[in-house]
Structures are given as structure tokens and as C-alpha cells.
Protein backbone atom coordinates (compact mmCIF):
# COMPACT_ATOMS: atom_id res chain seq x y z
CA MET A 1 229.55 -167.16 184.26
CA THR A 2 232.99 -168.53 183.30
CA THR A 3 235.90 -166.47 182.04
CA PRO A 4 239.67 -167.00 181.61
CA ASP A 5 241.92 -166.31 184.55
CA ALA A 6 242.86 -162.75 185.29
CA PRO A 7 245.80 -161.65 187.46
CA ASP A 8 245.09 -160.31 190.92
CA ALA A 9 247.76 -157.59 190.65
CA PRO A 10 245.33 -154.66 190.25
CA GLU A 11 243.93 -155.35 193.73
CA ALA A 12 247.38 -155.00 195.26
CA VAL A 13 247.92 -151.84 193.23
CA ARG A 14 244.79 -150.31 194.74
CA GLY A 15 246.32 -150.86 198.16
CA ARG A 16 244.11 -153.79 199.09
CA PRO A 17 245.55 -157.00 200.53
CA PRO A 18 246.22 -159.72 197.95
CA VAL A 19 243.52 -162.30 197.40
CA THR A 20 244.22 -165.54 199.24
CA GLU A 21 243.23 -168.66 197.35
CA ARG A 22 242.16 -171.70 199.30
CA ARG A 23 241.73 -175.35 198.47
CA LEU A 24 238.89 -177.69 199.32
CA HIS A 25 239.11 -180.22 202.15
CA PRO A 26 241.74 -182.97 201.63
CA VAL A 27 239.00 -185.62 201.69
CA THR A 28 237.66 -184.26 198.38
CA PRO A 29 239.96 -186.40 196.16
CA LEU A 30 238.31 -189.54 197.55
CA ARG A 31 234.96 -188.30 196.23
CA ARG A 32 236.31 -187.24 192.84
CA ALA A 33 238.33 -190.41 192.34
CA TRP A 34 235.06 -192.27 191.77
CA ALA A 35 234.47 -190.46 188.44
CA PRO A 36 236.51 -192.88 186.22
CA VAL A 37 234.99 -195.85 188.06
CA ALA A 38 231.50 -194.39 187.56
CA VAL A 39 232.17 -194.12 183.82
CA LEU A 40 233.00 -197.83 183.63
CA ILE A 41 229.95 -198.77 185.69
CA GLY A 42 227.74 -196.59 183.48
CA TRP A 43 229.11 -198.28 180.35
CA ALA A 44 228.51 -201.73 181.87
CA LEU A 45 224.92 -200.89 182.81
CA HIS A 46 224.23 -199.33 179.41
CA ASP A 47 225.27 -202.49 177.53
CA PRO A 48 225.42 -205.38 180.03
CA ASP A 49 225.70 -208.09 177.35
CA GLN A 50 228.76 -206.47 175.78
CA ALA A 51 230.28 -205.90 179.23
CA GLN A 52 229.74 -209.58 180.11
CA ARG A 53 231.42 -210.71 176.87
CA GLN A 54 234.41 -208.45 177.49
CA LEU A 55 234.81 -209.73 181.05
CA ASN A 56 234.65 -213.37 179.90
CA ARG A 57 237.59 -212.73 177.55
CA LEU A 58 239.81 -211.47 180.36
CA THR A 59 242.11 -213.79 182.24
CA THR A 60 242.58 -213.50 185.96
CA THR A 61 246.03 -211.96 185.45
CA THR A 62 244.74 -209.39 182.99
CA LEU A 63 241.87 -208.50 185.31
CA LEU A 64 244.23 -208.00 188.27
CA ILE A 65 246.55 -205.84 186.15
CA GLY A 66 243.57 -203.76 185.03
CA ILE A 67 242.46 -203.21 188.63
CA ALA A 68 246.05 -202.38 189.63
CA VAL A 69 246.13 -199.70 186.91
CA LEU A 70 242.58 -198.39 187.42
CA ILE A 71 242.82 -197.73 191.17
CA PRO A 72 246.02 -195.59 191.01
CA ALA A 73 244.70 -193.81 187.91
CA ALA A 74 241.43 -192.97 189.67
CA ALA A 75 243.34 -191.81 192.74
CA LEU A 76 245.62 -189.62 190.59
CA TYR A 77 242.62 -188.13 188.81
CA GLY A 78 240.97 -187.29 192.13
CA PHE A 79 244.16 -185.75 193.49
CA LEU A 80 244.82 -183.60 190.40
CA THR A 81 241.26 -182.26 190.21
CA TRP A 82 241.53 -181.32 193.90
CA TRP A 83 245.02 -179.82 193.56
CA PHE A 84 244.03 -177.58 190.65
CA THR A 85 240.78 -176.38 192.24
CA HIS A 86 240.96 -173.15 194.24
CA PHE A 87 238.48 -170.63 195.55
CA ALA A 88 238.87 -167.11 196.89
CA VAL A 89 236.61 -164.40 198.27
CA THR A 90 237.34 -160.88 197.00
CA ASP A 91 235.65 -157.59 197.86
CA SER A 92 232.91 -158.20 195.29
CA GLU A 93 232.86 -161.85 194.23
CA LEU A 94 233.56 -165.49 194.94
CA ARG A 95 236.04 -166.97 192.48
CA ILE A 96 236.28 -170.68 191.79
CA ARG A 97 239.21 -171.82 189.62
CA THR A 98 239.28 -175.30 188.15
CA GLY A 99 240.98 -177.21 185.35
CA LEU A 100 244.26 -178.98 184.68
CA LEU A 101 244.82 -178.40 180.95
CA PHE A 102 242.13 -175.78 180.38
CA ARG A 103 241.99 -173.33 183.27
CA ARG A 104 238.59 -171.77 183.95
CA THR A 105 237.45 -169.30 186.59
CA ALA A 106 233.84 -168.83 187.73
CA HIS A 107 233.07 -165.33 189.03
CA ILE A 108 230.04 -165.24 191.35
CA ARG A 109 229.03 -161.71 192.26
CA LEU A 110 228.26 -161.48 195.98
CA GLU A 111 225.28 -159.17 195.53
CA ARG A 112 223.63 -161.79 193.29
CA ILE A 113 223.78 -164.52 195.95
CA GLN A 114 220.29 -165.26 197.26
CA ALA A 115 220.83 -168.22 199.55
CA ILE A 116 223.63 -170.51 200.67
CA ASP A 117 222.74 -174.01 201.81
CA VAL A 118 224.99 -176.31 203.80
CA THR A 119 224.41 -180.01 203.08
CA GLN A 120 226.01 -183.12 204.56
CA PRO A 121 225.52 -186.44 202.78
CA LEU A 122 225.85 -189.46 205.04
CA LEU A 123 229.52 -190.21 204.25
CA ALA A 124 230.34 -186.50 204.51
CA ARG A 125 228.88 -186.46 208.02
CA VAL A 126 231.14 -189.38 208.95
CA ALA A 127 234.17 -187.52 207.53
CA GLY A 128 233.18 -184.24 209.19
CA VAL A 129 232.87 -182.25 205.95
CA SER A 130 230.08 -180.25 204.32
CA LYS A 131 229.02 -179.01 200.92
CA LEU A 132 228.13 -175.37 200.19
CA LYS A 133 225.41 -174.85 197.57
CA LEU A 134 224.80 -171.30 196.35
CA ASP A 135 221.60 -169.93 194.85
CA VAL A 136 222.61 -167.18 192.42
CA ILE A 137 220.28 -164.89 190.47
CA GLY A 138 220.23 -165.89 186.80
CA ALA A 139 221.84 -169.32 187.32
CA ASP A 140 219.90 -172.40 186.22
CA LYS A 141 221.49 -174.61 188.84
CA LYS A 142 223.27 -174.13 192.16
CA ASP A 143 227.01 -173.56 192.21
CA GLU A 144 228.76 -175.56 194.89
CA LEU A 145 231.94 -176.03 196.87
CA ALA A 146 232.38 -179.68 197.81
CA PHE A 147 233.82 -180.38 200.28
CA LEU A 148 234.87 -178.09 203.12
CA GLY A 149 235.40 -178.80 206.79
CA ALA A 150 232.10 -178.47 208.65
CA GLY A 151 233.32 -175.47 210.67
CA GLU A 152 234.95 -173.82 207.66
CA ALA A 153 231.76 -174.24 205.60
CA ARG A 154 229.66 -172.48 208.24
CA ALA A 155 232.22 -169.70 208.64
CA LEU A 156 232.47 -169.18 204.87
CA ARG A 157 228.70 -169.13 204.54
CA ALA A 158 228.44 -166.46 207.25
CA GLU A 159 231.19 -164.38 205.62
CA LEU A 160 229.62 -164.54 202.14
CA LEU A 161 226.20 -163.55 203.48
CA ALA A 162 227.73 -160.71 205.48
CA ARG A 163 229.49 -159.37 202.40
CA ALA A 164 226.34 -159.78 200.32
CA ALA A 165 224.54 -157.73 202.97
CA GLY A 166 227.02 -154.89 202.55
CA PHE A 167 229.42 -155.42 205.47
CA ALA A 168 232.96 -154.23 204.83
CA PRO A 169 235.37 -157.01 203.78
CA GLU A 170 237.63 -156.42 206.77
CA THR A 171 234.73 -156.90 209.20
CA ALA A 172 232.61 -159.48 207.33
CA HIS A 173 234.54 -162.45 208.77
CA GLU A 174 233.89 -161.11 212.28
CA VAL A 175 230.11 -160.94 211.85
CA GLY A 176 229.70 -164.68 212.20
CA GLU A 177 226.51 -166.65 211.60
CA ALA A 178 223.39 -164.66 212.39
CA PRO A 179 221.57 -165.89 215.50
CA ALA A 180 218.46 -167.99 214.93
CA ARG A 181 215.27 -168.48 216.93
CA GLN A 182 213.61 -171.87 216.55
CA MET A 183 209.98 -171.57 215.47
CA LEU A 184 208.94 -175.21 215.27
CA ARG A 185 210.10 -178.80 214.84
CA VAL A 186 208.03 -181.50 213.16
CA PRO A 187 207.81 -184.59 215.44
CA ALA A 188 208.76 -187.88 213.78
CA GLY A 189 205.44 -189.45 214.80
CA VAL A 190 203.43 -186.67 213.16
CA LEU A 191 205.48 -187.03 209.98
CA VAL A 192 204.88 -190.79 209.87
CA VAL A 193 201.12 -190.41 210.33
CA SER A 194 200.96 -187.69 207.68
CA LEU A 195 202.74 -189.93 205.16
CA LEU A 196 200.40 -192.84 205.95
CA LEU A 197 197.47 -190.51 205.29
CA THR A 198 198.87 -189.36 201.94
CA GLY A 199 196.89 -190.76 199.04
CA ALA A 200 199.83 -191.03 196.62
CA THR A 201 201.42 -193.93 198.49
CA TRP A 202 198.24 -195.97 198.74
CA GLY A 203 197.30 -195.04 195.19
CA TRP A 204 200.48 -196.52 193.74
CA LEU A 205 200.15 -199.64 195.92
CA LEU A 206 196.55 -200.07 194.76
CA VAL A 207 197.56 -199.70 191.10
CA ALA A 208 200.37 -202.21 191.58
CA GLY A 209 197.98 -204.63 193.31
CA VAL A 210 195.66 -204.55 190.28
CA VAL A 211 198.10 -204.27 187.37
CA VAL A 212 200.67 -206.87 188.48
CA PRO A 213 198.21 -209.83 188.73
CA LEU A 214 196.61 -208.86 185.40
CA LEU A 215 200.00 -208.75 183.67
CA TRP A 216 200.95 -212.14 185.13
CA MET A 217 197.71 -213.72 183.95
CA ALA A 218 198.12 -212.18 180.49
CA THR A 219 201.84 -212.83 179.87
CA HIS A 220 203.18 -215.31 182.51
CA SER A 221 206.46 -213.42 182.07
CA LEU A 222 208.38 -212.61 185.22
CA TRP A 223 210.43 -209.89 183.48
CA THR A 224 207.30 -208.13 182.23
CA VAL A 225 205.80 -208.18 185.71
CA LEU A 226 209.02 -206.86 187.26
CA ALA A 227 209.33 -204.13 184.61
CA ALA A 228 205.87 -202.86 185.58
CA ALA A 229 206.01 -203.52 189.34
CA VAL A 230 209.40 -201.99 190.16
CA PRO A 231 208.55 -198.43 188.97
CA MET A 232 205.19 -198.55 190.81
CA LEU A 233 206.72 -199.79 194.05
CA GLY A 234 209.52 -197.26 193.61
CA ALA A 235 206.99 -194.44 193.29
CA ALA A 236 205.18 -195.66 196.41
CA GLY A 237 208.48 -195.81 198.29
CA ALA A 238 209.52 -192.33 197.12
CA SER A 239 206.25 -190.84 198.36
CA SER A 240 206.56 -192.53 201.77
CA VAL A 241 209.98 -193.85 202.83
CA GLY A 242 211.85 -191.41 200.61
CA ARG A 243 209.97 -188.43 201.99
CA PHE A 244 210.42 -189.64 205.56
CA VAL A 245 214.19 -189.86 205.11
CA THR A 246 214.32 -186.39 203.52
CA GLU A 247 211.86 -184.61 205.84
CA TYR A 248 212.92 -186.26 209.12
CA ASP A 249 213.60 -183.87 212.03
CA TRP A 250 212.35 -180.89 210.03
CA THR A 251 213.24 -177.77 212.00
CA LEU A 252 212.31 -174.21 211.08
CA ALA A 253 214.11 -171.22 212.61
CA GLU A 254 214.01 -167.49 212.05
CA SER A 255 217.15 -165.37 211.61
CA PRO A 256 218.07 -161.99 210.09
CA ASP A 257 219.27 -163.70 206.90
CA GLY A 258 215.98 -165.54 206.32
CA LEU A 259 214.12 -168.62 207.50
CA ARG A 260 216.49 -171.50 208.15
CA ILE A 261 215.48 -175.09 207.51
CA ASP A 262 217.34 -178.13 208.87
CA HIS A 263 216.23 -181.63 207.92
CA GLY A 264 217.28 -185.12 206.90
CA LEU A 265 217.80 -188.55 208.47
CA LEU A 266 220.80 -189.78 206.46
CA ASP A 267 221.78 -186.63 204.52
CA ARG A 268 221.48 -183.47 206.63
CA ALA A 269 220.64 -180.19 204.88
CA HIS A 270 220.86 -176.67 206.25
CA GLU A 271 218.86 -174.44 203.88
CA THR A 272 217.80 -170.81 203.91
CA VAL A 273 214.69 -169.19 202.44
CA PRO A 274 215.95 -165.79 201.23
CA PRO A 275 214.06 -162.79 202.62
CA GLY A 276 211.90 -160.98 200.12
CA ARG A 277 212.44 -163.55 197.35
CA VAL A 278 209.36 -165.69 198.01
CA GLN A 279 206.95 -165.25 195.09
CA THR A 280 204.16 -167.66 195.98
CA VAL A 281 203.09 -169.60 199.08
CA ARG A 282 200.82 -172.65 198.80
CA LEU A 283 198.88 -174.31 201.62
CA VAL A 284 198.13 -177.87 200.56
CA GLU A 285 195.44 -179.96 202.30
CA PRO A 286 195.23 -183.65 201.30
CA LEU A 287 191.80 -185.16 201.90
CA LEU A 288 192.82 -187.39 204.82
CA TRP A 289 194.61 -184.54 206.61
CA ARG A 290 191.58 -182.28 206.96
CA ARG A 291 190.06 -183.92 210.04
CA ARG A 292 193.36 -183.34 211.84
CA GLY A 293 193.64 -179.76 210.60
CA TRP A 294 197.06 -180.33 208.97
CA VAL A 295 198.50 -178.53 205.96
CA ARG A 296 201.70 -178.66 203.91
CA VAL A 297 203.35 -175.33 203.03
CA GLU A 298 205.15 -175.06 199.69
CA LEU A 299 207.00 -172.12 198.13
CA ASP A 300 208.03 -170.64 194.80
CA VAL A 301 211.26 -168.70 195.35
CA ALA A 302 212.83 -166.57 192.62
CA GLY A 303 216.15 -168.06 191.53
CA SER A 304 216.08 -170.81 194.14
CA SER A 305 215.26 -174.50 194.10
CA ASN A 306 214.00 -174.51 197.71
CA SER A 307 210.31 -175.34 197.39
CA LEU A 308 209.15 -176.73 200.75
CA LEU A 309 208.72 -174.72 203.94
CA LEU A 310 206.77 -177.17 206.14
CA PRO A 311 206.09 -180.86 205.39
CA VAL A 312 203.15 -180.95 207.84
CA ALA A 313 201.85 -178.60 210.53
CA PRO A 314 198.56 -177.53 212.15
CA ARG A 315 196.83 -174.92 210.01
CA GLU A 316 196.98 -172.19 212.69
CA LEU A 317 200.72 -172.66 213.12
CA ALA A 318 201.26 -172.76 209.35
CA GLU A 319 199.37 -169.47 208.96
CA SER A 320 201.62 -167.82 211.54
CA VAL A 321 204.68 -169.00 209.59
CA VAL A 322 203.20 -167.63 206.36
CA ALA A 323 202.87 -164.26 208.07
CA ARG A 324 206.63 -164.35 208.74
CA VAL A 325 207.44 -165.32 205.15
CA LEU A 326 205.11 -162.67 203.67
CA PRO A 327 205.02 -159.73 206.11
CA GLY A 328 201.65 -158.03 206.21
CA VAL A 329 199.86 -161.00 204.61
CA SER A 330 197.19 -163.05 206.36
CA VAL A 331 195.70 -166.25 204.97
CA PRO A 332 192.10 -165.53 203.90
CA PRO A 333 189.42 -167.71 205.54
CA ARG A 334 187.66 -170.39 203.50
CA GLU A 335 184.39 -168.45 203.37
CA ALA A 336 186.18 -165.51 201.72
CA LEU A 337 186.97 -167.58 198.62
CA VAL A 338 184.30 -166.95 195.99
CA PRO A 339 183.49 -169.99 193.79
CA PRO A 340 182.94 -169.74 190.02
CA PRO A 341 179.40 -169.22 188.66
CA ARG A 342 177.28 -172.39 188.36
CA ARG A 343 177.41 -172.34 184.56
CA ALA A 344 181.13 -173.18 184.89
CA ARG A 345 180.10 -176.79 185.67
CA TRP A 346 179.66 -177.32 181.92
CA CYS A 347 183.37 -176.59 181.40
CA VAL A 348 184.77 -178.72 184.24
CA PRO A 349 182.06 -181.05 185.63
CA LEU A 350 182.19 -181.65 189.41
CA TRP A 351 185.76 -180.30 189.85
CA TRP A 352 184.60 -176.71 189.27
CA ARG A 353 183.46 -176.73 192.93
CA GLY A 354 187.10 -176.85 194.05
CA TYR A 355 187.96 -173.49 192.49
CA GLY A 356 187.81 -170.23 194.41
CA LEU A 357 189.20 -166.69 194.35
CA THR A 358 189.66 -163.73 196.65
CA VAL A 359 191.75 -160.59 196.29
CA THR A 360 192.78 -158.66 199.39
CA ASP A 361 194.83 -155.51 199.80
CA ALA A 362 197.94 -157.69 200.12
CA VAL A 363 197.51 -160.85 198.00
CA PHE A 364 195.93 -162.52 195.00
CA ALA A 365 194.61 -165.84 196.42
CA THR A 366 193.22 -168.80 194.47
CA ARG A 367 192.09 -172.28 195.47
CA GLN A 368 191.86 -175.44 193.40
CA GLY A 369 191.26 -179.14 193.96
CA LEU A 370 188.56 -181.21 195.68
CA LEU A 371 190.52 -184.18 197.07
CA ARG A 372 193.78 -182.30 197.42
CA ARG A 373 193.03 -178.65 198.06
CA SER A 374 195.70 -176.09 197.30
CA LEU A 375 195.46 -172.42 198.29
CA SER A 376 198.00 -170.20 196.47
CA LEU A 377 198.92 -166.74 197.77
CA VAL A 378 200.74 -164.23 195.56
CA PRO A 379 201.64 -160.81 197.01
CA HIS A 380 200.69 -158.04 194.58
CA ALA A 381 204.28 -156.77 194.52
CA LYS A 382 205.48 -160.13 193.16
CA VAL A 383 203.14 -160.20 190.14
CA GLN A 384 205.12 -159.65 186.93
CA SER A 385 202.27 -159.85 184.43
CA VAL A 386 198.54 -160.62 184.21
CA ARG A 387 196.80 -162.51 181.39
CA LEU A 388 193.21 -163.33 180.53
CA VAL A 389 192.73 -166.63 178.68
CA GLN A 390 189.40 -167.78 177.23
CA GLY A 391 188.90 -170.87 175.07
CA PRO A 392 185.95 -171.33 172.70
CA TRP A 393 183.94 -173.48 175.13
CA GLN A 394 184.62 -171.06 177.97
CA ARG A 395 183.55 -168.18 175.74
CA ALA A 396 180.29 -169.97 175.02
CA ARG A 397 179.64 -170.37 178.76
CA GLY A 398 180.68 -166.79 179.61
CA VAL A 399 183.71 -167.64 181.77
CA ALA A 400 187.48 -167.06 181.51
CA ASP A 401 190.75 -167.78 183.31
CA VAL A 402 193.00 -165.09 184.77
CA HIS A 403 196.71 -165.94 185.08
CA VAL A 404 199.21 -164.00 187.19
CA ASP A 405 202.89 -164.63 186.44
CA THR A 406 205.56 -164.28 189.14
CA GLY A 407 209.30 -163.76 189.26
CA ALA A 408 209.85 -167.50 189.85
CA ASN A 409 208.69 -168.24 186.27
CA LYS A 410 205.50 -169.76 187.64
CA SER A 411 201.83 -168.84 187.22
CA VAL A 412 198.83 -168.87 189.53
CA THR A 413 195.43 -169.12 187.86
CA ALA A 414 191.97 -168.01 188.86
CA ARG A 415 189.86 -170.57 186.97
CA LEU A 416 186.42 -170.16 185.41
CA ARG A 417 185.60 -166.60 186.48
CA ASP A 418 182.69 -164.68 184.99
CA THR A 419 183.86 -162.87 181.84
CA ALA A 420 183.04 -159.40 183.14
CA GLU A 421 184.65 -160.23 186.49
CA ALA A 422 187.78 -161.54 184.74
CA ALA A 423 188.11 -158.38 182.63
CA ALA A 424 187.75 -156.15 185.71
CA LEU A 425 190.20 -158.35 187.61
CA LEU A 426 192.73 -158.01 184.78
CA ARG A 427 192.68 -154.21 185.00
CA SER A 428 192.60 -153.96 188.80
CA GLN A 429 195.36 -156.53 189.32
CA ALA A 430 197.69 -154.69 186.97
CA GLU A 431 197.19 -151.51 189.02
CA ARG A 432 197.65 -153.37 192.34
CA SER A 433 200.90 -154.86 191.07
CA ARG A 434 202.30 -151.47 190.08
CA THR A 435 201.35 -149.99 193.45
CA GLY A 436 202.72 -153.01 195.33
CA ARG A 437 206.11 -152.88 193.61
CA ARG A 438 206.35 -149.14 194.25
CA ASP A 439 205.67 -149.51 197.98
CA ALA A 440 207.58 -152.77 198.56
CA LEU A 441 210.60 -152.77 200.84
CA PRO A 442 213.99 -153.62 199.26
CA ASP A 443 215.14 -157.22 199.42
CA ARG A 444 218.20 -157.12 201.66
CA TRP A 445 220.10 -159.63 203.73
CA MET A 446 220.37 -159.15 207.48
CA SER A 447 218.13 -156.10 207.47
């Protein structure tokens, strides 16, 4: 939310100390100075022919003069955007003021902060600075403060979380970062093997190995082959090398302010899964992982973009972590998942065998997939609405789908259930959700 500036005088009138505004780290202008240069690069890439013609018209002297003007202008832009950016922490909010000609102030209410992540891109690690990214209820994207000194970023994160938890402003800065207990660390060798056993990488390589020769034989055009091959090889790299770089040294720790996740080879990230905000947990089992008993644990978190809890872990260990994320919830065994009736095979041939459902006192659990199994767990207290959906072909076969919607704007579906079972499930799940919300503990930081 952005509003015009307001004077801080009323706070002094109420007898409170004046709000102290702070600036970002002095290295920040170097990052922001790239904005004008990025605009020129974007224009050149958008229309390379026009850019080439314009460059050919320039003499060496003109080009040198242009560079001599551009570099100081970019540096001045970076300095001014840094100089006119301030932030301050008040009793109830974090204020971020920006703008040279048009002054704007963002007011972030502390009680609406769900998680604060500390990230360090590679160059930021070299410079000893960090970026704070804030998950705020109702915001489509994370607000951020980039950059702060590494120590200042951690101290500010601890202070904001302490104030969000209800600590008095005069004592919040003394609380410090909550202690953490390491739960597990994913070995690099296990991560590498898991990526090699992921079908997406080999699938894209196989497609590229078939499509590229066919295109060459059909067109004999190098550009056509490259236009098709580069995206395929890029997708294969993103699902292997890209994931390795992101998920390297994945460490999970438990603290009073949530589960902390540290990861990254080049860019280090320090993320937090907010307590009580997890809406859905998914245990994913790719086909080639099953003999090793490995699973991947994914999340849907209300108001947060954090979506991965564990890249790979033994199933028993993953289930113990799920019990920490969803207190009182245990992962149902495979034999507890009831498959759809056999007549459902006429709606989804073969794949109907991958569906399953069980409802316990704590969760609504569904399974889907044959090659890549996915077990979704939704606590009853997190269900916002329940829907029964039945198409004409499903109606003819006497089956229906039951959807449960969560606070993360996501749905979990029990596919191809008997019509009578689906109708009974609709009524019983609505009652379980009401009871679950009534008995649920409040979502609080540092409880």
C-alpha cells in the first residue's frame, strides 16, 4: 500500500521517541546505476538491426563522448535513487520512502508480515551485503530492502519478527534472532543422484535428440535448428544444473519463528516457512526415486512464494518433518488410500489407478499420478470451501470430483469418486472444516 508522506510529529507528541530513518548500504548505488544501461541493452536486443545501423553511423569520437556521458549519468541516477530512499521501523509498521520528484511512502503493517527472507546474490556475498524480502498478507509480490549490510539485515529481520510477535518496541531490538536447531542437511551427492534420476531432464534431452535431427533433415537451416534446440536444452539445464545450483547445501532448521531454510551455491538464500500458514503439503515420488525410498516435499503457503521444503529426503525423515510443519498430522500409509471404483477407468483409462483418497481426523489426503506420484495433505482447518464437480461423462459413469480450496488460492482434488461417496464427502468435509477452524490454535510468531 502506498500513500503520500505524513509527518512524524504526532509520535513525538504522544511522548514516544522520534522515528529514525535509515538509508540502505552505500554499495546500493552500484546496483541501481545499471538501470539506464539495462534500458539501452534491452532496446538493442529488442531491435538488433536498428541498433546495428545506429552504431555504424557513430564515429569513434561520438561513441567515446556518449560513453563519457552515459557512465556519469548512470552513476548519478544510482546515487540519487539511493540518497532519496529511506526506511524506518515504527511501533506498528515498516515505512519505506522513495522518489526524487514524486515522493512515495510504503506502509507495511508489522502484524501482516508472515515471513522475512534474507538472500545474498553472488556479487552481494562478495560485497558483504544482503537483501531482505518480506512476505506480507495481501501483497502479490514480496517487498524488499536491497541492500543492507549482512549483520544489519539479520538484526533488522530479528527486530521486525519480534515486533510482529508482540514484543514491546523498546525491547524488540534486544530479542535478537531466535535460536535454531538443525534438523537435516541434504548431501551434495544425494542431490546429484536425485537430479540424474529425474525424468524431466532425460525427457527434454530425448525430445531434443529426436526433434533436432528431423528439423535439420527437413529444413537444412541452422537457425531453425538452433531456435528449437536452445529452448529444449535450456529446459533440460534448468531441471538439472539450475536446480543443483539453487538447491545446493539445502539445510532445514527449526526455530520459534518457523522452519528456516538455507540453500544455494552461487546465490545464498535464508528463508522462513511461517508457522501456521502452511495450507497444503505434498510428498512427490518420481518413478526412479521409489527404489531408494526418496521423496520431495512441496508446500502451499498462504501469502508466501516459498513452495519447497525438501528437495530430496528419505520418506521416513520427510514424514517426521511434515509432522513438525503440521502439528498433529501423520502421513497416511499407502494402503489407507482408497482407489476410485473400477468404472472410473472409462473416464481416465489407465491413469485412474493413480488416484486415491483418505480422510483422517486431521487431514484430507489425495493421491494422483502413476509415474510421478503426488500425495497432497490438507488440514481440515485450512479448507476454505468444498465443491463437487461432475461432467456429463462422469455423470454417466456415476463418479464425481470433490475439490477443497485452501487459503493459498490453490485446490486439492479427490478425482473420480463414487457419486454417493462424493456427496457424503462434501457434507462431512464442510463440517470437519468448521470444527477444525474453531479448534485451531492462533497463528503467532515465536509462540
